Amino acid sequence: PNAFSPDESKLYFQVSFFNGFVEYDVAEDRITRIKTLP
């Protein structure tokens, strides 16, 4: 599952096996933050 911010500048997505999610900057084409959840 994935979701874009309302201004469509960031993409948030989950990946297999990971307890957390990733933030991707659409314009810069790079991952900016990764959040690990409990």
PDB file of all heavy atoms in Angstrom:
ATOM      1  N   PRO A   1       0.823  -1.216   0.000  1.00  0.00           N
ATOM      2  CA  PRO A   1       0.000   0.000   0.000  1.00  0.00           C
ATOM      3  C   PRO A   1       0.855   1.264   0.000  1.00  0.00           C
ATOM      4  O   PRO A   1       1.936   1.322   0.596  1.00  0.00           O
ATOM      5  CB  PRO A   1      -0.798  -0.141   1.299  1.00  0.00           C
ATOM      6  CG  PRO A   1      -0.968  -1.615   1.445  1.00  0.00           C
ATOM      7  CD  PRO A   1       0.343  -2.189   1.003  1.00  0.00           C
ATOM      8  N   ASN A   2       0.366   2.283  -0.687  1.00  0.00           N
ATOM      9  CA  ASN A   2       1.099   3.539  -0.788  1.00  0.00           C
ATOM     10  C   ASN A   2       0.115   4.696  -0.853  1.00  0.00           C
ATOM     11  O   ASN A   2      -1.052   4.513  -1.207  1.00  0.00           O
ATOM     12  CB  ASN A   2       2.039   3.530  -1.987  1.00  0.00           C
ATOM     13  CG  ASN A   2       1.347   3.190  -3.288  1.00  0.00           C
ATOM     14  OD1 ASN A   2       0.800   4.052  -3.968  1.00  0.00           O
ATOM     15  ND2 ASN A   2       1.353   1.903  -3.662  1.00  0.00           N
ATOM     16  N   ALA A   3       0.584   5.879  -0.501  1.00  0.00           N
ATOM     17  CA  ALA A   3      -0.279   7.056  -0.488  1.00  0.00           C
ATOM     18  C   ALA A   3       0.559   8.298  -0.755  1.00  0.00           C
ATOM     19  O   ALA A   3       1.692   8.404  -0.268  1.00  0.00           O
ATOM     20  CB  ALA A   3      -0.988   7.195   0.854  1.00  0.00           C
ATOM     21  N   PHE A   4      -0.003   9.221  -1.531  1.00  0.00           N
ATOM     22  CA  PHE A   4       0.672  10.469  -1.836  1.00  0.00           C
ATOM     23  C   PHE A   4       0.173  11.581  -0.915  1.00  0.00           C
ATOM     24  O   PHE A   4      -0.984  11.595  -0.501  1.00  0.00           O
ATOM     25  CB  PHE A   4       0.434  10.878  -3.289  1.00  0.00           C
ATOM     26  CG  PHE A   4       1.271  10.108  -4.267  1.00  0.00           C
ATOM     27  CD1 PHE A   4       0.928   8.812  -4.615  1.00  0.00           C
ATOM     28  CD2 PHE A   4       2.398  10.668  -4.839  1.00  0.00           C
ATOM     29  CE1 PHE A   4       1.699   8.087  -5.509  1.00  0.00           C
ATOM     30  CE2 PHE A   4       3.177   9.952  -5.726  1.00  0.00           C
ATOM     31  CZ  PHE A   4       2.830   8.660  -6.075  1.00  0.00           C
ATOM     32  N   SER A   5       1.069  12.505  -0.605  1.00  0.00           N
ATOM     33  CA  SER A   5       0.668  13.685   0.159  1.00  0.00           C
ATOM     34  C   SER A   5      -0.307  14.509  -0.687  1.00  0.00           C
ATOM     35  O   SER A   5      -0.325  14.403  -1.916  1.00  0.00           O
ATOM     36  CB  SER A   5       1.896  14.520   0.517  1.00  0.00           C
ATOM     37  OG  SER A   5       2.580  14.955  -0.659  1.00  0.00           O
ATOM     38  N   PRO A   6      -1.142  15.340  -0.039  1.00  0.00           N
ATOM     39  CA  PRO A   6      -2.135  16.109  -0.814  1.00  0.00           C
ATOM     40  C   PRO A   6      -1.526  16.976  -1.907  1.00  0.00           C
ATOM     41  O   PRO A   6      -2.145  17.165  -2.958  1.00  0.00           O
ATOM     42  CB  PRO A   6      -2.822  16.954   0.262  1.00  0.00           C
ATOM     43  CG  PRO A   6      -2.708  16.137   1.506  1.00  0.00           C
ATOM     44  CD  PRO A   6      -1.358  15.488   1.414  1.00  0.00           C
ATOM     45  N   ASP A   7      -0.317  17.503  -1.698  1.00  0.00           N
ATOM     46  CA  ASP A   7       0.311  18.307  -2.750  1.00  0.00           C
ATOM     47  C   ASP A   7       1.098  17.461  -3.742  1.00  0.00           C
ATOM     48  O   ASP A   7       1.732  17.987  -4.655  1.00  0.00           O
ATOM     49  CB  ASP A   7       1.209  19.393  -2.155  1.00  0.00           C
ATOM     50  CG  ASP A   7       2.410  18.816  -1.403  1.00  0.00           C
ATOM     51  OD1 ASP A   7       2.578  17.574  -1.371  1.00  0.00           O
ATOM     52  OD2 ASP A   7       3.189  19.613  -0.856  1.00  0.00           O
ATOM     53  N   GLU A   8       1.058  16.145  -3.546  1.00  0.00           N
ATOM     54  CA  GLU A   8       1.673  15.166  -4.448  1.00  0.00           C
ATOM     55  C   GLU A   8       3.188  15.275  -4.535  1.00  0.00           C
ATOM     56  O   GLU A   8       3.812  14.744  -5.446  1.00  0.00           O
ATOM     57  CB  GLU A   8       1.055  15.273  -5.845  1.00  0.00           C
ATOM     58  CG  GLU A   8      -0.442  15.053  -5.840  1.00  0.00           C
ATOM     59  CD  GLU A   8      -1.085  15.206  -7.202  1.00  0.00           C
ATOM     60  OE1 GLU A   8      -0.441  15.742  -8.125  1.00  0.00           O
ATOM     61  OE2 GLU A   8      -2.247  14.796  -7.340  1.00  0.00           O
ATOM     62  N   SER A   9       3.800  15.929  -3.539  1.00  0.00           N
ATOM     63  CA  SER A   9       5.254  16.055  -3.549  1.00  0.00           C
ATOM     64  C   SER A   9       5.940  14.843  -2.927  1.00  0.00           C
ATOM     65  O   SER A   9       7.100  14.566  -3.235  1.00  0.00           O
ATOM     66  CB  SER A   9       5.682  17.315  -2.797  1.00  0.00           C
ATOM     67  OG  SER A   9       5.342  17.219  -1.414  1.00  0.00           O
ATOM     68  N   LYS A  10       5.238  14.142  -2.056  1.00  0.00           N
ATOM     69  CA  LYS A  10       5.821  13.002  -1.369  1.00  0.00           C
ATOM     70  C   LYS A  10       4.961  11.753  -1.570  1.00  0.00           C
ATOM     71  O   LYS A  10       3.731  11.820  -1.611  1.00  0.00           O
ATOM     72  CB  LYS A  10       5.934  13.265   0.134  1.00  0.00           C
ATOM     73  CG  LYS A  10       6.852  14.415   0.516  1.00  0.00           C
ATOM     74  CD  LYS A  10       8.297  14.102   0.228  1.00  0.00           C
ATOM     75  CE  LYS A  10       9.243  15.099   0.901  1.00  0.00           C
ATOM     76  NZ  LYS A  10       9.055  16.497   0.449  1.00  0.00           N
ATOM     77  N   LEU A  11       5.642  10.624  -1.695  1.00  0.00           N
ATOM     78  CA  LEU A  11       4.997   9.322  -1.760  1.00  0.00           C
ATOM     79  C   LEU A  11       5.415   8.522  -0.537  1.00  0.00           C
ATOM     80  O   LEU A  11       6.610   8.433  -0.223  1.00  0.00           O
ATOM     81  CB  LEU A  11       5.419   8.579  -3.030  1.00  0.00           C
ATOM     82  CG  LEU A  11       5.146   7.066  -3.089  1.00  0.00           C
ATOM     83  CD1 LEU A  11       3.643   6.800  -3.117  1.00  0.00           C
ATOM     84  CD2 LEU A  11       5.826   6.442  -4.297  1.00  0.00           C
ATOM     85  N   TYR A  12       4.439   7.973   0.162  1.00  0.00           N
ATOM     86  CA  TYR A  12       4.704   7.105   1.312  1.00  0.00           C
ATOM     87  C   TYR A  12       4.308   5.687   0.926  1.00  0.00           C
ATOM     88  O   TYR A  12       3.240   5.472   0.355  1.00  0.00           O
ATOM     89  CB  TYR A  12       3.913   7.583   2.525  1.00  0.00           C
ATOM     90  CG  TYR A  12       4.314   8.967   2.945  1.00  0.00           C
ATOM     91  CD1 TYR A  12       3.689  10.086   2.398  1.00  0.00           C
ATOM     92  CD2 TYR A  12       5.360   9.174   3.849  1.00  0.00           C
ATOM     93  CE1 TYR A  12       4.080  11.369   2.747  1.00  0.00           C
ATOM     94  CE2 TYR A  12       5.756  10.451   4.205  1.00  0.00           C
ATOM     95  CZ  TYR A  12       5.113  11.546   3.644  1.00  0.00           C
ATOM     96  OH  TYR A  12       5.518  12.815   3.983  1.00  0.00           O
ATOM     97  N   PHE A  13       5.185   4.726   1.221  1.00  0.00           N
ATOM     98  CA  PHE A  13       4.859   3.350   0.836  1.00  0.00           C
ATOM     99  C   PHE A  13       5.412   2.348   1.836  1.00  0.00           C
ATOM    100  O   PHE A  13       6.404   2.596   2.524  1.00  0.00           O
ATOM    101  CB  PHE A  13       5.357   3.038  -0.578  1.00  0.00           C
ATOM    102  CG  PHE A  13       6.840   3.139  -0.794  1.00  0.00           C
ATOM    103  CD1 PHE A  13       7.670   2.037  -0.626  1.00  0.00           C
ATOM    104  CD2 PHE A  13       7.429   4.332  -1.212  1.00  0.00           C
ATOM    105  CE1 PHE A  13       9.042   2.112  -0.847  1.00  0.00           C
ATOM    106  CE2 PHE A  13       8.795   4.418  -1.446  1.00  0.00           C
ATOM    107  CZ  PHE A  13       9.608   3.314  -1.258  1.00  0.00           C
ATOM    108  N   GLN A  14       4.724   1.214   1.920  1.00  0.00           N
ATOM    109  CA  GLN A  14       5.167   0.080   2.719  1.00  0.00           C
ATOM    110  C   GLN A  14       5.810  -0.947   1.804  1.00  0.00           C
ATOM    111  O   GLN A  14       5.483  -1.020   0.615  1.00  0.00           O
ATOM    112  CB  GLN A  14       3.976  -0.532   3.456  1.00  0.00           C
ATOM    113  CG  GLN A  14       3.357   0.405   4.476  1.00  0.00           C
ATOM    114  CD  GLN A  14       1.966  -0.018   4.905  1.00  0.00           C
ATOM    115  OE1 GLN A  14       1.141  -0.384   4.079  1.00  0.00           O
ATOM    116  NE2 GLN A  14       1.676   0.052   6.194  1.00  0.00           N
ATOM    117  N   VAL A  15       6.736  -1.721   2.343  1.00  0.00           N
ATOM    118  CA  VAL A  15       7.385  -2.772   1.572  1.00  0.00           C
ATOM    119  C   VAL A  15       7.255  -4.097   2.321  1.00  0.00           C
ATOM    120  O   VAL A  15       7.007  -4.126   3.529  1.00  0.00           O
ATOM    121  CB  VAL A  15       8.877  -2.462   1.297  1.00  0.00           C
ATOM    122  CG1 VAL A  15       9.015  -1.184   0.487  1.00  0.00           C
ATOM    123  CG2 VAL A  15       9.674  -2.383   2.590  1.00  0.00           C
ATOM    124  N   SER A  16       7.419  -5.169   1.604  1.00  0.00           N
ATOM    125  CA  SER A  16       7.322  -6.497   2.212  1.00  0.00           C
ATOM    126  C   SER A  16       8.269  -6.629   3.411  1.00  0.00           C
ATOM    127  O   SER A  16       9.392  -6.106   3.388  1.00  0.00           O
ATOM    128  CB  SER A  16       7.654  -7.573   1.183  1.00  0.00           C
ATOM    129  OG  SER A  16       6.660  -7.667   0.199  1.00  0.00           O
ATOM    130  N   PHE A  17       7.788  -7.318   4.443  1.00  0.00           N
ATOM    131  CA  PHE A  17       8.565  -7.730   5.615  1.00  0.00           C
ATOM    132  C   PHE A  17       8.949  -6.598   6.569  1.00  0.00           C
ATOM    133  O   PHE A  17       9.585  -6.867   7.589  1.00  0.00           O
ATOM    134  CB  PHE A  17       9.858  -8.457   5.191  1.00  0.00           C
ATOM    135  CG  PHE A  17       9.662  -9.585   4.240  1.00  0.00           C
ATOM    136  CD1 PHE A  17      10.188  -9.543   2.963  1.00  0.00           C
ATOM    137  CD2 PHE A  17       8.945 -10.713   4.623  1.00  0.00           C
ATOM    138  CE1 PHE A  17      10.008 -10.597   2.075  1.00  0.00           C
ATOM    139  CE2 PHE A  17       8.769 -11.771   3.748  1.00  0.00           C
ATOM    140  CZ  PHE A  17       9.297 -11.708   2.465  1.00  0.00           C
ATOM    141  N   PHE A  18       8.576  -5.358   6.294  1.00  0.00           N
ATOM    142  CA  PHE A  18       9.075  -4.223   7.084  1.00  0.00           C
ATOM    143  C   PHE A  18       7.986  -3.648   7.978  1.00  0.00           C
ATOM    144  O   PHE A  18       6.886  -3.345   7.505  1.00  0.00           O
ATOM    145  CB  PHE A  18       9.607  -3.138   6.140  1.00  0.00           C
ATOM    146  CG  PHE A  18      10.186  -1.926   6.832  1.00  0.00           C
ATOM    147  CD1 PHE A  18      11.082  -2.069   7.874  1.00  0.00           C
ATOM    148  CD2 PHE A  18       9.827  -0.646   6.424  1.00  0.00           C
ATOM    149  CE1 PHE A  18      11.626  -0.950   8.502  1.00  0.00           C
ATOM    150  CE2 PHE A  18      10.359   0.474   7.039  1.00  0.00           C
ATOM    151  CZ  PHE A  18      11.267   0.323   8.093  1.00  0.00           C
ATOM    152  N   ASN A  19       8.310  -3.470   9.254  1.00  0.00           N
ATOM    153  CA  ASN A  19       7.398  -2.821  10.196  1.00  0.00           C
ATOM    154  C   ASN A  19       7.670  -1.317  10.194  1.00  0.00           C
ATOM    155  O   ASN A  19       8.296  -0.748  11.074  1.00  0.00           O
ATOM    156  CB  ASN A  19       7.569  -3.398  11.611  1.00  0.00           C
ATOM    157  CG  ASN A  19       9.014  -3.397  12.083  1.00  0.00           C
ATOM    158  OD1 ASN A  19       9.868  -4.044  11.463  1.00  0.00           O
ATOM    159  ND2 ASN A  19       9.305  -2.705  13.162  1.00  0.00           N
ATOM    160  N   GLY A  20       7.165  -0.677   9.138  1.00  0.00           N
ATOM    161  CA  GLY A  20       7.371   0.752   8.980  1.00  0.00           C
ATOM    162  C   GLY A  20       7.033   1.169   7.570  1.00  0.00           C
ATOM    163  O   GLY A  20       6.332   0.467   6.842  1.00  0.00           O
ATOM    164  N   PHE A  21       7.534   2.337   7.161  1.00  0.00           N
ATOM    165  CA  PHE A  21       7.228   2.844   5.821  1.00  0.00           C
ATOM    166  C   PHE A  21       8.345   3.766   5.346  1.00  0.00           C
ATOM    167  O   PHE A  21       9.240   4.149   6.124  1.00  0.00           O
ATOM    168  CB  PHE A  21       5.877   3.564   5.802  1.00  0.00           C
ATOM    169  CG  PHE A  21       5.787   4.740   6.745  1.00  0.00           C
ATOM    170  CD1 PHE A  21       6.163   6.014   6.344  1.00  0.00           C
ATOM    171  CD2 PHE A  21       5.326   4.566   8.051  1.00  0.00           C
ATOM    172  CE1 PHE A  21       6.079   7.089   7.214  1.00  0.00           C
ATOM    173  CE2 PHE A  21       5.236   5.636   8.933  1.00  0.00           C
ATOM    174  CZ  PHE A  21       5.618   6.910   8.517  1.00  0.00           C
ATOM    175  N   VAL A  22       8.272   4.118   4.078  1.00  0.00           N
ATOM    176  CA  VAL A  22       9.313   4.896   3.415  1.00  0.00           C
ATOM    177  C   VAL A  22       8.695   6.172   2.850  1.00  0.00           C
ATOM    178  O   VAL A  22       7.570   6.165   2.355  1.00  0.00           O
ATOM    179  CB  VAL A  22       9.952   4.070   2.269  1.00  0.00           C
ATOM    180  CG1 VAL A  22      11.016   4.878   1.533  1.00  0.00           C
ATOM    181  CG2 VAL A  22      10.541   2.769   2.812  1.00  0.00           C
ATOM    182  N   GLU A  23       9.439   7.268   2.929  1.00  0.00           N
ATOM    183  CA  GLU A  23       9.031   8.535   2.309  1.00  0.00           C
ATOM    184  C   GLU A  23       9.912   8.794   1.094  1.00  0.00           C
ATOM    185  O   GLU A  23      11.142   8.740   1.179  1.00  0.00           O
ATOM    186  CB  GLU A  23       9.185   9.684   3.301  1.00  0.00           C
ATOM    187  CG  GLU A  23       8.805  11.057   2.730  1.00  0.00           C
ATOM    188  CD  GLU A  23       9.138  12.188   3.681  1.00  0.00           C
ATOM    189  OE1 GLU A  23      10.346  12.541   3.789  1.00  0.00           O
ATOM    190  OE2 GLU A  23       8.209  12.700   4.343  1.00  0.00           O
ATOM    191  N   TYR A  24       9.279   9.084  -0.033  1.00  0.00           N
ATOM    192  CA  TYR A  24       9.976   9.286  -1.308  1.00  0.00           C
ATOM    193  C   TYR A  24       9.616  10.661  -1.840  1.00  0.00           C
ATOM    194  O   TYR A  24       8.431  11.014  -1.939  1.00  0.00           O
ATOM    195  CB  TYR A  24       9.557   8.192  -2.281  1.00  0.00           C
ATOM    196  CG  TYR A  24       9.974   8.371  -3.717  1.00  0.00           C
ATOM    197  CD1 TYR A  24      11.294   8.147  -4.117  1.00  0.00           C
ATOM    198  CD2 TYR A  24       9.043   8.732  -4.687  1.00  0.00           C
ATOM    199  CE1 TYR A  24      11.659   8.284  -5.445  1.00  0.00           C
ATOM    200  CE2 TYR A  24       9.401   8.868  -6.015  1.00  0.00           C
ATOM    201  CZ  TYR A  24      10.717   8.653  -6.394  1.00  0.00           C
ATOM    202  OH  TYR A  24      11.063   8.789  -7.717  1.00  0.00           O
ATOM    203  N   ASP A  25      10.632  11.468  -2.166  1.00  0.00           N
ATOM    204  CA  ASP A  25      10.417  12.778  -2.766  1.00  0.00           C
ATOM    205  C   ASP A  25      10.249  12.621  -4.274  1.00  0.00           C
ATOM    206  O   ASP A  25      11.159  12.149  -4.958  1.00  0.00           O
ATOM    207  CB  ASP A  25      11.598  13.699  -2.451  1.00  0.00           C
ATOM    208  CG  ASP A  25      11.341  15.135  -2.868  1.00  0.00           C
ATOM    209  OD1 ASP A  25      11.309  15.406  -4.094  1.00  0.00           O
ATOM    210  OD2 ASP A  25      11.168  15.985  -1.966  1.00  0.00           O
ATOM    211  N   VAL A  26       9.072  12.985  -4.779  1.00  0.00           N
ATOM    212  CA  VAL A  26       8.748  12.732  -6.178  1.00  0.00           C
ATOM    213  C   VAL A  26       9.616  13.576  -7.103  1.00  0.00           C
ATOM    214  O   VAL A  26      10.180  13.073  -8.081  1.00  0.00           O
ATOM    215  CB  VAL A  26       7.248  12.999  -6.433  1.00  0.00           C
ATOM    216  CG1 VAL A  26       6.911  12.797  -7.909  1.00  0.00           C
ATOM    217  CG2 VAL A  26       6.388  12.091  -5.567  1.00  0.00           C
ATOM    218  N   ALA A  27       9.749  14.865  -6.829  1.00  0.00           N
ATOM    219  CA  ALA A  27      10.512  15.744  -7.712  1.00  0.00           C
ATOM    220  C   ALA A  27      11.995  15.420  -7.709  1.00  0.00           C
ATOM    221  O   ALA A  27      12.651  15.411  -8.753  1.00  0.00           O
ATOM    222  CB  ALA A  27      10.288  17.204  -7.318  1.00  0.00           C
ATOM    223  N   GLU A  28      12.532  15.124  -6.524  1.00  0.00           N
ATOM    224  CA  GLU A  28      13.962  14.835  -6.419  1.00  0.00           C
ATOM    225  C   GLU A  28      14.289  13.389  -6.759  1.00  0.00           C
ATOM    226  O   GLU A  28      15.458  13.035  -6.886  1.00  0.00           O
ATOM    227  CB  GLU A  28      14.457  15.160  -5.011  1.00  0.00           C
ATOM    228  CG  GLU A  28      14.362  16.646  -4.667  1.00  0.00           C
ATOM    229  CD  GLU A  28      14.895  16.944  -3.272  1.00  0.00           C
ATOM    230  OE1 GLU A  28      15.468  16.022  -2.645  1.00  0.00           O
ATOM    231  OE2 GLU A  28      14.739  18.089  -2.821  1.00  0.00           O
ATOM    232  N   ASP A  29      13.274  12.541  -6.896  1.00  0.00           N
ATOM    233  CA  ASP A  29      13.458  11.129  -7.242  1.00  0.00           C
ATOM    234  C   ASP A  29      14.415  10.439  -6.273  1.00  0.00           C
ATOM    235  O   ASP A  29      15.353   9.760  -6.660  1.00  0.00           O
ATOM    236  CB  ASP A  29      13.966  10.994  -8.685  1.00  0.00           C
ATOM    237  CG  ASP A  29      14.051   9.540  -9.144  1.00  0.00           C
ATOM    238  OD1 ASP A  29      13.341   8.694  -8.552  1.00  0.00           O
ATOM    239  OD2 ASP A  29      14.822   9.254 -10.081  1.00  0.00           O
ATOM    240  N   ARG A  30      14.146  10.630  -4.975  1.00  0.00           N
ATOM    241  CA  ARG A  30      14.993   9.983  -3.968  1.00  0.00           C
ATOM    242  C   ARG A  30      14.199   9.751  -2.694  1.00  0.00           C
ATOM    243  O   ARG A  30      13.210  10.427  -2.417  1.00  0.00           O
ATOM    244  CB  ARG A  30      16.232  10.809  -3.673  1.00  0.00           C
ATOM    245  CG  ARG A  30      15.960  12.109  -2.940  1.00  0.00           C
ATOM    246  CD  ARG A  30      17.246  12.911  -2.743  1.00  0.00           C
ATOM    247  NE  ARG A  30      16.993  14.135  -1.990  1.00  0.00           N
ATOM    248  CZ  ARG A  30      17.090  14.222  -0.656  1.00  0.00           C
ATOM    249  NH1 ARG A  30      17.450  13.156   0.054  1.00  0.00           N
ATOM    250  NH2 ARG A  30      16.849  15.371  -0.025  1.00  0.00           N
ATOM    251  N   ILE A  31      14.660   8.774  -1.930  1.00  0.00           N
ATOM    252  CA  ILE A  31      14.066   8.485  -0.633  1.00  0.00           C
ATOM    253  C   ILE A  31      14.630   9.462   0.385  1.00  0.00           C
ATOM    254  O   ILE A  31      15.850   9.646   0.486  1.00  0.00           O
ATOM    255  CB  ILE A  31      14.333   7.028  -0.241  1.00  0.00           C
ATOM    256  CG1 ILE A  31      13.479   6.097  -1.126  1.00  0.00           C
ATOM    257  CG2 ILE A  31      14.049   6.784   1.231  1.00  0.00           C
ATOM    258  CD1 ILE A  31      13.862   4.659  -1.047  1.00  0.00           C
ATOM    259  N   THR A  32      13.738  10.102   1.128  1.00  0.00           N
ATOM    260  CA  THR A  32      14.150  11.137   2.069  1.00  0.00           C
ATOM    261  C   THR A  32      14.123  10.674   3.524  1.00  0.00           C
ATOM    262  O   THR A  32      14.961  11.094   4.324  1.00  0.00           O
ATOM    263  CB  THR A  32      13.273  12.386   1.898  1.00  0.00           C
ATOM    264  OG1 THR A  32      11.893  11.999   1.804  1.00  0.00           O
ATOM    265  CG2 THR A  32      13.652  13.127   0.617  1.00  0.00           C
ATOM    266  N   ARG A  33      13.149   9.864   3.898  1.00  0.00           N
ATOM    267  CA  ARG A  33      13.079   9.375   5.278  1.00  0.00           C
ATOM    268  C   ARG A  33      12.532   7.957   5.293  1.00  0.00           C
ATOM    269  O   ARG A  33      11.736   7.579   4.433  1.00  0.00           O
ATOM    270  CB  ARG A  33      12.187  10.279   6.141  1.00  0.00           C
ATOM    271  CG  ARG A  33      12.717  11.678   6.338  1.00  0.00           C
ATOM    272  CD  ARG A  33      11.854  12.471   7.325  1.00  0.00           C
ATOM    273  NE  ARG A  33      10.541  12.772   6.790  1.00  0.00           N
ATOM    274  CZ  ARG A  33       9.590  13.419   7.463  1.00  0.00           C
ATOM    275  NH1 ARG A  33       9.816  13.810   8.720  1.00  0.00           N
ATOM    276  NH2 ARG A  33       8.418  13.674   6.908  1.00  0.00           N
ATOM    277  N   ILE A  34      12.947   7.194   6.299  1.00  0.00           N
ATOM    278  CA  ILE A  34      12.427   5.844   6.521  1.00  0.00           C
ATOM    279  C   ILE A  34      12.042   5.736   7.988  1.00  0.00           C
ATOM    280  O   ILE A  34      12.845   6.043   8.878  1.00  0.00           O
ATOM    281  CB  ILE A  34      13.459   4.767   6.147  1.00  0.00           C
ATOM    282  CG1 ILE A  34      13.787   4.847   4.645  1.00  0.00           C
ATOM    283  CG2 ILE A  34      12.938   3.375   6.510  1.00  0.00           C
ATOM    284  CD1 ILE A  34      14.892   3.919   4.194  1.00  0.00           C
ATOM    285  N   LYS A  35      10.806   5.340   8.235  1.00  0.00           N
ATOM    286  CA  LYS A  35      10.296   5.246   9.594  1.00  0.00           C
ATOM    287  C   LYS A  35      10.121   3.791   9.999  1.00  0.00           C
ATOM    288  O   LYS A  35       9.393   3.040   9.339  1.00  0.00           O
ATOM    289  CB  LYS A  35       8.948   5.968   9.707  1.00  0.00           C
ATOM    290  CG  LYS A  35       8.227   5.777  11.023  1.00  0.00           C
ATOM    291  CD  LYS A  35       8.976   6.401  12.196  1.00  0.00           C
ATOM    292  CE  LYS A  35       8.156   6.290  13.482  1.00  0.00           C
ATOM    293  NZ  LYS A  35       8.870   6.878  14.651  1.00  0.00           N
ATOM    294  N   THR A  36      10.773   3.392  11.069  1.00  0.00           N
ATOM    295  CA  THR A  36      10.574   2.069  11.648  1.00  0.00           C
ATOM    296  C   THR A  36       9.593   2.189  12.809  1.00  0.00           C
ATOM    297  O   THR A  36       9.792   3.005  13.708  1.00  0.00           O
ATOM    298  CB  THR A  36      11.893   1.475  12.156  1.00  0.00           C
ATOM    299  OG1 THR A  36      12.817   1.383  11.069  1.00  0.00           O
ATOM    300  CG2 THR A  36      11.673   0.087  12.740  1.00  0.00           C
ATOM    301  N   LEU A  37       8.534   1.408  12.758  1.00  0.00           N
ATOM    302  CA  LEU A  37       7.513   1.429  13.798  1.00  0.00           C
ATOM    303  C   LEU A  37       7.728   0.281  14.778  1.00  0.00           C
ATOM    304  O   LEU A  37       8.427  -0.691  14.464  1.00  0.00           O
ATOM    305  CB  LEU A  37       6.124   1.355  13.160  1.00  0.00           C
ATOM    306  CG  LEU A  37       5.673   2.646  12.471  1.00  0.00           C
ATOM    307  CD1 LEU A  37       4.464   2.395  11.576  1.00  0.00           C
ATOM    308  CD2 LEU A  37       5.359   3.734  13.495  1.00  0.00           C
ATOM    309  N   PRO A  38       7.138   0.368  15.965  1.00  0.00           N
ATOM    310  CA  PRO A  38       7.373  -0.666  16.984  1.00  0.00           C
ATOM    311  C   PRO A  38       6.956  -2.061  16.529  1.00  0.00           C
ATOM    312  O   PRO A  38       5.992  -2.229  15.777  1.00  0.00           O
ATOM    313  CB  PRO A  38       6.506  -0.195  18.163  1.00  0.00           C
ATOM    314  CG  PRO A  38       6.359   1.272  17.974  1.00  0.00           C
ATOM    315  CD  PRO A  38       6.305   1.472  16.484  1.00  0.00           C
TER     316      PRO A  38
END
